[in-house]
C-alpha atoms as a PDB file:
ATOM      1  CA  UNK A   1      98.324  87.507  94.814  1.00  0.00           C
ATOM      2  CA  UNK A   2      96.415  88.027  91.553  1.00  0.00           C
ATOM      3  CA  UNK A   3      97.714  89.772  88.460  1.00  0.00           C
ATOM      4  CA  UNK A   4      96.091  93.066  89.484  1.00  0.00           C
ATOM      5  CA  UNK A   5      97.741  93.243  92.916  1.00  0.00           C
ATOM      6  CA  UNK A   6     100.510  95.811  93.210  1.00  0.00           C
ATOM      7  CA  UNK A   7     103.750  94.439  94.628  1.00  0.00           C
ATOM      8  CA  UNK A   8     105.464  96.612  97.258  1.00  0.00           C
ATOM      9  CA  UNK A   9     109.020  95.942  98.391  1.00  0.00           C
ATOM     10  CA  UNK A  10     110.086  97.516 101.696  1.00  0.00           C
ATOM     11  CA  UNK A  11     113.879  97.769 101.828  1.00  0.00           C
ATOM     12  CA  UNK A  12     115.766  97.796 105.134  1.00  0.00           C
ATOM     13  CA  UNK A  13     118.730  99.964 104.161  1.00  0.00           C
ATOM     14  CA  UNK A  14     121.016  99.695 107.189  1.00  0.00           C
ATOM     15  CA  UNK A  15     123.261  96.726 107.934  1.00  0.00           C
ATOM     16  CA  UNK A  16     124.917  98.273 110.991  1.00  0.00           C
ATOM     17  CA  UNK A  17     125.155  96.213 114.169  1.00  0.00           C
ATOM     18  CA  UNK A  18     122.336  97.139 116.558  1.00  0.00           C
ATOM     19  CA  UNK A  19     120.404  98.919 113.805  1.00  0.00           C
ATOM     20  CA  UNK A  20     116.852 100.137 114.328  1.00  0.00           C
ATOM     21  CA  UNK A  21     115.828  99.731 110.696  1.00  0.00           C
ATOM     22  CA  UNK A  22     114.035  96.373 111.021  1.00  0.00           C
ATOM     23  CA  UNK A  23     111.720  97.854 113.665  1.00  0.00           C
ATOM     24  CA  UNK A  24     110.743 100.730 111.383  1.00  0.00           C
ATOM     25  CA  UNK A  25     110.412  98.425 108.364  1.00  0.00           C
ATOM     26  CA  UNK A  26     108.165  96.036 110.271  1.00  0.00           C
ATOM     27  CA  UNK A  27     105.872  98.878 111.307  1.00  0.00           C
ATOM     28  CA  UNK A  28     105.586 100.451 107.847  1.00  0.00           C
ATOM     29  CA  UNK A  29     105.037  96.999 106.304  1.00  0.00           C
ATOM     30  CA  UNK A  30     102.197  96.492 108.789  1.00  0.00           C
ATOM     31  CA  UNK A  31     100.714  99.852 107.805  1.00  0.00           C
ATOM     32  CA  UNK A  32     100.969  98.878 104.131  1.00  0.00           C
ATOM     33  CA  UNK A  33      99.200  95.609 104.862  1.00  0.00           C
ATOM     34  CA  UNK A  34      96.401  97.430 106.649  1.00  0.00           C
ATOM     35  CA  UNK A  35      96.155  99.904 103.771  1.00  0.00           C
ATOM     36  CA  UNK A  36      95.202  97.066 101.463  1.00  0.00           C
ATOM     37  CA  UNK A  37      96.638  98.437  98.237  1.00  0.00           C
ATOM     38  CA  UNK A  38      99.683  96.181  98.068  1.00  0.00           C
ATOM     39  CA  UNK A  39     101.084  92.735  98.446  1.00  0.00           C
ATOM     40  CA  UNK A  40     104.036  93.510 100.763  1.00  0.00           C
ATOM     41  CA  UNK A  41     107.519  91.990 100.875  1.00  0.00           C
ATOM     42  CA  UNK A  42     110.320  93.124 103.218  1.00  0.00           C
ATOM     43  CA  UNK A  43     113.899  92.856 101.922  1.00  0.00           C
ATOM     44  CA  UNK A  44     116.662  93.217 104.506  1.00  0.00           C
ATOM     45  CA  UNK A  45     120.009  94.172 102.960  1.00  0.00           C
ATOM     46  CA  UNK A  46     121.813  92.614 105.931  1.00  0.00           C
ATOM     47  CA  UNK A  47     120.742  89.208 104.608  1.00  0.00           C
ATOM     48  CA  UNK A  48     122.162  89.739 101.107  1.00  0.00           C
ATOM     49  CA  UNK A  49     125.673  89.558  99.667  1.00  0.00           C
ATOM     50  CA  UNK A  50     126.295  93.059  98.281  1.00  0.00           C
ATOM     51  CA  UNK A  51     129.942  93.605  97.269  1.00  0.00           C
ATOM     52  CA  UNK A  52     131.253  97.137  96.906  1.00  0.00           C
ATOM     53  CA  UNK A  53     133.343  96.181  93.843  1.00  0.00           C
ATOM     54  CA  UNK A  54     131.295  96.528  90.660  1.00  0.00           C
ATOM     55  CA  UNK A  55     131.795  95.018  87.178  1.00  0.00           C
ATOM     56  CA  UNK A  56     133.206  97.268  84.484  1.00  0.00           C
ATOM     57  CA  UNK A  57     129.993  97.264  82.469  1.00  0.00           C
ATOM     58  CA  UNK A  58     126.997  99.377  83.442  1.00  0.00           C
ATOM     59  CA  UNK A  59     123.847  97.501  84.514  1.00  0.00           C
ATOM     60  CA  UNK A  60     121.874  99.964  82.396  1.00  0.00           C
ATOM     61  CA  UNK A  61     123.427  98.635  79.184  1.00  0.00           C
ATOM     62  CA  UNK A  62     124.229  95.047  80.189  1.00  0.00           C
ATOM     63  CA  UNK A  63     120.616  94.280  81.125  1.00  0.00           C
ATOM     64  CA  UNK A  64     119.962  90.645  82.024  1.00  0.00           C
ATOM     65  CA  UNK A  65     123.587  89.766  81.202  1.00  0.00           C
ATOM     66  CA  UNK A  66     124.929  91.883  84.067  1.00  0.00           C
ATOM     67  CA  UNK A  67     127.198  89.613  86.177  1.00  0.00           C
ATOM     68  CA  UNK A  68     125.758  89.806  89.685  1.00  0.00           C
ATOM     69  CA  UNK A  69     126.880  87.518  92.520  1.00  0.00           C
ATOM     70  CA  UNK A  70     124.673  84.482  93.120  1.00  0.00           C
ATOM     71  CA  UNK A  71     123.942  85.763  96.627  1.00  0.00           C
ATOM     72  CA  UNK A  72     122.250  88.805  95.127  1.00  0.00           C
ATOM     73  CA  UNK A  73     119.690  86.857  93.112  1.00  0.00           C
ATOM     74  CA  UNK A  74     116.893  87.237  95.675  1.00  0.00           C
ATOM     75  CA  UNK A  75     117.375  91.007  95.818  1.00  0.00           C
ATOM     76  CA  UNK A  76     117.433  91.355  92.038  1.00  0.00           C
ATOM     77  CA  UNK A  77     114.296  89.225  91.707  1.00  0.00           C
ATOM     78  CA  UNK A  78     112.475  91.268  94.364  1.00  0.00           C
ATOM     79  CA  UNK A  79     113.402  94.572  92.726  1.00  0.00           C
ATOM     80  CA  UNK A  80     112.474  93.277  89.268  1.00  0.00           C
ATOM     81  CA  UNK A  81     109.058  92.095  90.404  1.00  0.00           C
ATOM     82  CA  UNK A  82     108.192  95.192  92.418  1.00  0.00           C
ATOM     83  CA  UNK A  83     105.674  97.808  91.344  1.00  0.00           C
ATOM     84  CA  UNK A  84     106.740 100.168  94.147  1.00  0.00           C
ATOM     85  CA  UNK A  85     109.343 100.579  96.867  1.00  0.00           C
ATOM     86  CA  UNK A  86     109.586 101.978 100.353  1.00  0.00           C
ATOM     87  CA  UNK A  87     113.184 102.609 101.383  1.00  0.00           C
ATOM     88  CA  UNK A  88     113.750 102.599 105.142  1.00  0.00           C
ATOM     89  CA  UNK A  89     116.964 104.461 105.890  1.00  0.00           C
ATOM     90  CA  UNK A  90     118.873 105.978 108.773  1.00  0.00           C
ATOM     91  CA  UNK A  91     121.123 108.994 108.388  1.00  0.00           C
ATOM     92  CA  UNK A  92     124.868 108.432 108.628  1.00  0.00           C
ATOM     93  CA  UNK A  93     126.998 111.590 108.488  1.00  0.00           C
ATOM     94  CA  UNK A  94     124.232 113.553 106.724  1.00  0.00           C
ATOM     95  CA  UNK A  95     123.628 110.828 104.126  1.00  0.00           C
ATOM     96  CA  UNK A  96     122.466 107.248 103.701  1.00  0.00           C
ATOM     97  CA  UNK A  97     124.304 103.942 104.299  1.00  0.00           C
ATOM     98  CA  UNK A  98     126.889 102.524 101.902  1.00  0.00           C
ATOM     99  CA  UNK A  99     124.932  99.259 101.875  1.00  0.00           C
ATOM    100  CA  UNK A 100     121.979 101.033 100.308  1.00  0.00           C
ATOM    101  CA  UNK A 101     124.117 102.781  97.697  1.00  0.00           C
ATOM    102  CA  UNK A 102     125.731  99.478  96.738  1.00  0.00           C
ATOM    103  CA  UNK A 103     122.342  97.766  96.399  1.00  0.00           C
ATOM    104  CA  UNK A 104     121.124 100.601  94.191  1.00  0.00           C
ATOM    105  CA  UNK A 105     124.255 100.654  92.023  1.00  0.00           C
ATOM    106  CA  UNK A 106     124.152  96.914  91.264  1.00  0.00           C
ATOM    107  CA  UNK A 107     120.816  97.522  89.483  1.00  0.00           C
ATOM    108  CA  UNK A 108     119.288  99.963  87.035  1.00  0.00           C
ATOM    109  CA  UNK A 109     116.291  98.792  85.004  1.00  0.00           C
ATOM    110  CA  UNK A 110     114.732  97.301  88.155  1.00  0.00           C
ATOM    111  CA  UNK A 111     114.132 100.852  89.453  1.00  0.00           C
ATOM    112  CA  UNK A 112     113.092 102.440  86.169  1.00  0.00           C
ATOM    113  CA  UNK A 113     109.609 103.966  85.930  1.00  0.00           C
ATOM    114  CA  UNK A 114     108.648 102.769  89.408  1.00  0.00           C
ATOM    115  CA  UNK A 115     107.728 104.882  92.450  1.00  0.00           C
ATOM    116  CA  UNK A 116     109.873 105.062  95.578  1.00  0.00           C
ATOM    117  CA  UNK A 117     108.745 106.392  98.952  1.00  0.00           C
ATOM    118  CA  UNK A 118     110.974 106.995 101.970  1.00  0.00           C
ATOM    119  CA  UNK A 119     110.735 106.311 105.673  1.00  0.00           C
ATOM    120  CA  UNK A 120     113.718 107.705 107.528  1.00  0.00           C
ATOM    121  CA  UNK A 121     114.901 107.906 111.094  1.00  0.00           C
ATOM    122  CA  UNK A 122     117.766 109.569 112.917  1.00  0.00           C
ATOM    123  CA  UNK A 123     118.638 112.309 115.345  1.00  0.00           C
ATOM    124  CA  UNK A 124     117.256 115.825 115.161  1.00  0.00           C
ATOM    125  CA  UNK A 125     116.866 115.739 111.350  1.00  0.00           C
ATOM    126  CA  UNK A 126     115.060 112.400 111.349  1.00  0.00           C
ATOM    127  CA  UNK A 127     117.064 111.124 108.383  1.00  0.00           C
ATOM    128  CA  UNK A 128     115.925 113.878 106.032  1.00  0.00           C
ATOM    129  CA  UNK A 129     119.448 114.511 104.701  1.00  0.00           C
ATOM    130  CA  UNK A 130     119.655 110.853 103.688  1.00  0.00           C
ATOM    131  CA  UNK A 131     116.359 111.108 101.832  1.00  0.00           C
ATOM    132  CA  UNK A 132     117.422 114.236  99.930  1.00  0.00           C
ATOM    133  CA  UNK A 133     120.493 112.371  98.661  1.00  0.00           C
ATOM    134  CA  UNK A 134     118.466 109.283  97.775  1.00  0.00           C
ATOM    135  CA  UNK A 135     115.999 111.356  95.775  1.00  0.00           C
ATOM    136  CA  UNK A 136     118.850 112.625  93.594  1.00  0.00           C
ATOM    137  CA  UNK A 137     120.291 109.147  93.059  1.00  0.00           C
ATOM    138  CA  UNK A 138     117.003 107.423  92.268  1.00  0.00           C
ATOM    139  CA  UNK A 139     115.925 110.187  89.893  1.00  0.00           C
ATOM    140  CA  UNK A 140     119.081 109.403  87.902  1.00  0.00           C
ATOM    141  CA  UNK A 141     117.808 105.817  87.597  1.00  0.00           C
ATOM    142  CA  UNK A 142     114.461 107.091  86.210  1.00  0.00           C
ATOM    143  CA  UNK A 143     112.539 106.163  89.348  1.00  0.00           C
ATOM    144  CA  UNK A 144     109.742 108.451  90.568  1.00  0.00           C
ATOM    145  CA  UNK A 145     110.161 109.653  94.135  1.00  0.00           C
ATOM    146  CA  UNK A 146     107.017 110.209  96.184  1.00  0.00           C
ATOM    147  CA  UNK A 147     106.656 113.637  97.769  1.00  0.00           C
ATOM    148  CA  UNK A 148     105.184 112.726 101.164  1.00  0.00           C
ATOM    149  CA  UNK A 149     107.483 110.529 103.209  1.00  0.00           C
ATOM    150  CA  UNK A 150     107.849 109.758 106.896  1.00  0.00           C
ATOM    151  CA  UNK A 151     110.698 110.972 109.074  1.00  0.00           C
ATOM    152  CA  UNK A 152     111.257 110.031 112.701  1.00  0.00           C
ATOM    153  CA  UNK A 153     113.548 112.472 114.561  1.00  0.00           C
ATOM    154  CA  UNK A 154     115.182 111.221 117.747  1.00  0.00           C
ATOM    155  CA  UNK A 155     113.776 107.752 117.140  1.00  0.00           C
ATOM    156  CA  UNK A 156     115.464 106.444 120.292  1.00  0.00           C
ATOM    157  CA  UNK A 157     112.929 108.328 122.414  1.00  0.00           C
ATOM    158  CA  UNK A 158     110.072 108.497 119.872  1.00  0.00           C
ATOM    159  CA  UNK A 159     109.301 104.762 119.669  1.00  0.00           C
ATOM    160  CA  UNK A 160     108.087 102.248 122.210  1.00  0.00           C
ATOM    161  CA  UNK A 161     107.345  98.540 121.811  1.00  0.00           C
ATOM    162  CA  UNK A 162     107.984  98.657 118.081  1.00  0.00           C
ATOM    163  CA  UNK A 163     105.639 101.549 117.379  1.00  0.00           C
ATOM    164  CA  UNK A 164     106.019 105.335 117.050  1.00  0.00           C
ATOM    165  CA  UNK A 165     104.632 107.288 119.985  1.00  0.00           C
ATOM    166  CA  UNK A 166     103.255 110.038 117.731  1.00  0.00           C
ATOM    167  CA  UNK A 167      99.530 109.245 117.314  1.00  0.00           C
ATOM    168  CA  UNK A 168      99.549 111.018 113.947  1.00  0.00           C
ATOM    169  CA  UNK A 169     102.106 108.596 112.463  1.00  0.00           C
ATOM    170  CA  UNK A 170      99.559 106.116 111.018  1.00  0.00           C
ATOM    171  CA  UNK A 171      97.798 108.995 109.279  1.00  0.00           C
ATOM    172  CA  UNK A 172     101.044 110.164 107.716  1.00  0.00           C
ATOM    173  CA  UNK A 173     101.746 106.586 106.656  1.00  0.00           C
ATOM    174  CA  UNK A 174      98.342 106.413 104.958  1.00  0.00           C
ATOM    175  CA  UNK A 175      99.086 109.576 102.969  1.00  0.00           C
ATOM    176  CA  UNK A 176     102.407 108.096 101.835  1.00  0.00           C
ATOM    177  CA  UNK A 177     100.720 104.819 100.879  1.00  0.00           C
ATOM    178  CA  UNK A 178      97.831 106.538  99.081  1.00  0.00           C
ATOM    179  CA  UNK A 179     100.304 108.423  96.903  1.00  0.00           C
ATOM    180  CA  UNK A 180     102.470 105.340  96.405  1.00  0.00           C
ATOM    181  CA  UNK A 181      99.571 103.134  95.299  1.00  0.00           C
ATOM    182  CA  UNK A 182      98.406 105.823  92.846  1.00  0.00           C
ATOM    183  CA  UNK A 183     101.857 106.106  91.289  1.00  0.00           C
ATOM    184  CA  UNK A 184     102.385 102.344  91.307  1.00  0.00           C
ATOM    185  CA  UNK A 185      99.157 101.713  89.422  1.00  0.00           C
ATOM    186  CA  UNK A 186      99.674 104.561  86.969  1.00  0.00           C
ATOM    187  CA  UNK A 187     103.272 103.617  86.202  1.00  0.00           C
ATOM    188  CA  UNK A 188     102.543  99.912  85.852  1.00  0.00           C
ATOM    189  CA  UNK A 189      99.813 100.725  83.331  1.00  0.00           C
ATOM    190  CA  UNK A 190     102.231 102.992  81.482  1.00  0.00           C
ATOM    191  CA  UNK A 191     104.986 100.335  81.428  1.00  0.00           C
ATOM    192  CA  UNK A 192     102.510  97.779  80.093  1.00  0.00           C
ATOM    193  CA  UNK A 193     101.265 100.169  77.403  1.00  0.00           C
ATOM    194  CA  UNK A 194     104.697 101.096  76.049  1.00  0.00           C
ATOM    195  CA  UNK A 195     108.366 100.558  76.934  1.00  0.00           C
ATOM    196  CA  UNK A 196     109.853 103.386  78.979  1.00  0.00           C
ATOM    197  CA  UNK A 197     112.292 105.420  76.780  1.00  0.00           C
ATOM    198  CA  UNK A 198     115.308 105.244  79.110  1.00  0.00           C
END
């Protein structure tokens, strides 16, 4: 990776036993690789120690001194080094998993002035309720949410052999990635030109 390559982190948000998230994350990471605009890294929250108990101080104000568990170092480093994110999330009870909320809440500046796109899956709604809630949360952290995401309703019948059956899915993925790479480049240039006034 050279200094001009944009770094994309794909986050597998579910840690539930038997989860489908890694299948979706693998596919969208493949699409991102084919797109060519990013160097792609997949971060699986199931492989990271993410306690629900948080320190008293806010990560916004504590900065690098924020006391995170040692097992979270790889996640923090990945978020810090990213120029863009794709969050892969299911929908649990009309929202997103607690694991994802905890991972978000342990960080602040790592999300700031960076674009986030969403790939969701679920039943009839395809995870869209989860994405609506995530957009609100990540806007509070000064991230920029990308308008065109991907949603897979009834994923249990809509995928086969690790791929969506809808032939239009790669085209939708390209639209998401085109917007994400535009925002990632624009926001990285802006961050390099001047500190973001958070």
